[in-house]
N, C-alpha and C. Protein backbone atom coordinates (compact mmCIF):
# COMPACT_ATOMS: atom_id res chain seq x y z
N MET A 1 65.44 -33.41 -149.32
CA MET A 1 65.68 -33.24 -148.34
C MET A 1 64.45 -32.53 -147.76
N LEU A 2 63.66 -31.68 -148.93
CA LEU A 2 63.52 -31.43 -148.28
C LEU A 2 61.13 -31.56 -147.75
N GLU A 3 61.01 -33.58 -148.36
CA GLU A 3 60.28 -33.98 -147.66
C GLU A 3 60.75 -34.50 -145.81
N PHE A 4 61.98 -34.71 -145.27
CA PHE A 4 61.59 -34.89 -144.60
C PHE A 4 62.38 -33.76 -143.48
N THR A 5 62.97 -33.08 -143.88
CA THR A 5 62.29 -31.63 -143.08
C THR A 5 61.03 -30.75 -142.76
N TRP A 6 60.44 -31.38 -144.10
CA TRP A 6 58.80 -30.96 -143.78
C TRP A 6 58.71 -31.95 -142.23
N LYS A 7 58.66 -33.40 -142.97
CA LYS A 7 58.30 -34.39 -141.38
C LYS A 7 58.26 -33.52 -140.78
N VAL A 8 60.19 -33.99 -140.03
CA VAL A 8 60.36 -33.28 -138.84
C VAL A 8 59.50 -31.60 -137.97
N PHE A 9 59.76 -31.12 -139.44
CA PHE A 9 58.33 -30.03 -138.47
C PHE A 9 56.97 -30.41 -137.80
N SER A 10 56.21 -31.20 -139.14
CA SER A 10 54.61 -31.47 -138.68
C SER A 10 54.59 -32.55 -137.10
N GLU A 11 55.98 -33.44 -137.50
CA GLU A 11 55.86 -34.04 -136.31
C GLU A 11 56.37 -33.41 -134.44
N THR A 12 57.47 -32.08 -134.86
CA THR A 12 57.98 -31.62 -133.89
C THR A 12 57.07 -30.33 -133.51
N GLY A 13 56.84 -29.33 -134.78
CA GLY A 13 56.37 -28.49 -134.51
C GLY A 13 57.95 -27.05 -134.19
N ASN A 14 58.24 -27.58 -134.63
CA ASN A 14 59.71 -26.43 -134.35
C ASN A 14 59.76 -25.99 -135.09
N ILE A 15 59.99 -24.39 -134.96
CA ILE A 15 59.72 -23.41 -135.71
C ILE A 15 60.94 -23.68 -136.54
N ASP A 16 62.41 -23.57 -136.05
CA ASP A 16 63.77 -23.57 -136.83
C ASP A 16 63.03 -24.17 -137.98
N THR A 17 63.09 -25.21 -137.32
CA THR A 17 63.12 -25.98 -138.31
C THR A 17 62.05 -25.64 -139.82
N TYR A 18 60.16 -25.64 -139.38
CA TYR A 18 60.48 -25.34 -140.50
C TYR A 18 60.65 -23.91 -141.35
N LEU A 19 62.04 -23.19 -140.48
CA LEU A 19 62.67 -21.83 -141.43
C LEU A 19 63.65 -22.35 -141.54
N LEU A 20 63.85 -23.73 -141.20
CA LEU A 20 64.92 -23.83 -142.54
C LEU A 20 64.12 -25.15 -143.73
N TYR A 21 63.31 -25.78 -143.29
CA TYR A 21 62.24 -25.67 -144.87
C TYR A 21 62.34 -24.69 -145.78
N LYS A 22 61.89 -23.59 -144.80
CA LYS A 22 61.76 -22.11 -146.28
C LYS A 22 63.06 -21.82 -147.54
N GLU A 23 63.93 -21.98 -146.43
CA GLU A 23 64.74 -21.47 -147.08
C GLU A 23 65.40 -22.07 -147.55
N LEU A 24 65.80 -24.35 -147.86
CA LEU A 24 65.66 -25.10 -148.16
C LEU A 24 64.53 -24.80 -149.76
N GLU A 25 63.20 -24.81 -149.54
CA GLU A 25 62.25 -24.51 -150.27
C GLU A 25 63.17 -23.32 -151.16
N GLN A 26 63.44 -22.55 -150.72
CA GLN A 26 63.91 -21.18 -151.55
C GLN A 26 64.50 -21.20 -152.82
N GLN A 27 66.12 -21.72 -151.78
CA GLN A 27 67.54 -22.02 -152.75
C GLN A 27 66.52 -23.21 -154.20
N SER A 28 65.33 -24.09 -153.63
CA SER A 28 65.09 -25.05 -154.43
C SER A 28 64.57 -24.53 -155.74
N LEU A 29 64.10 -22.89 -155.86
CA LEU A 29 62.58 -22.74 -157.26
C LEU A 29 63.65 -22.92 -157.85
N PRO A 30 65.12 -21.92 -157.73
CA PRO A 30 65.50 -21.72 -159.57
C PRO A 30 66.18 -23.21 -160.35
N LYS A 31 66.00 -23.92 -159.07
CA LYS A 31 66.35 -24.91 -160.05
C LYS A 31 65.05 -25.78 -161.08
N LYS A 32 64.26 -25.68 -160.15
CA LYS A 32 63.06 -25.71 -161.02
C LYS A 32 62.52 -24.80 -162.40
N GLU A 33 62.85 -23.59 -162.19
CA GLU A 33 62.82 -23.13 -163.22
C GLU A 33 63.30 -23.44 -164.28
N GLU A 34 64.77 -23.80 -164.02
CA GLU A 34 65.58 -23.57 -164.67
C GLU A 34 64.93 -25.22 -165.81
N GLN A 35 65.03 -26.06 -164.97
CA GLN A 35 64.19 -27.81 -165.69
C GLN A 35 63.38 -27.27 -165.82
N GLU A 36 62.49 -25.99 -165.65
CA GLU A 36 60.59 -26.07 -166.90
C GLU A 36 61.27 -24.98 -167.92
N ASN A 37 62.83 -24.45 -167.91
CA ASN A 37 63.09 -23.26 -169.49
C ASN A 37 63.44 -24.79 -170.49
N GLU A 38 64.63 -24.86 -170.07
CA GLU A 38 64.50 -25.96 -170.42
C GLU A 38 64.20 -27.43 -171.22
N LEU A 39 63.08 -28.09 -170.11
CA LEU A 39 61.52 -29.00 -170.73
C LEU A 39 61.13 -28.15 -172.22
N ALA A 40 60.92 -26.77 -171.60
CA ALA A 40 60.33 -26.21 -173.42
C ALA A 40 60.46 -25.67 -174.09
N GLU A 41 61.86 -26.05 -173.62
CA GLU A 41 63.07 -25.50 -174.91
C GLU A 41 63.10 -27.04 -175.81
N ILE A 42 62.69 -27.54 -175.12
CA ILE A 42 63.29 -29.52 -176.15
C ILE A 42 61.44 -29.04 -176.86
N ASP A 43 60.18 -28.89 -176.54
CA ASP A 43 59.09 -29.22 -175.95
C ASP A 43 58.93 -28.27 -177.94
N PHE A 44 59.80 -26.64 -177.80
CA PHE A 44 60.09 -25.39 -178.94
C PHE A 44 60.85 -24.71 -179.12
N PRO A 45 62.07 -25.82 -180.02
CA PRO A 45 63.45 -25.07 -179.96
C PRO A 45 63.14 -24.17 -180.94
N MET A 46 63.96 -23.48 -180.48
CA MET A 46 64.33 -22.34 -181.16
C MET A 46 64.87 -22.38 -182.74
N MET A 47 64.52 -22.17 -183.29
CA MET A 47 64.75 -21.54 -185.04
C MET A 47 66.38 -20.97 -184.92
């Protein structure tokens, strides 16, 4: 969804589309951090 929103913004220059992109980006950040934490736990399991 982020890629599509960015593509629409880059083609139209619509500010509302950019703001939507930034909102979606912020919502996806915690998920990325959670995934990184999960991968770190797999690489270095706690005993």
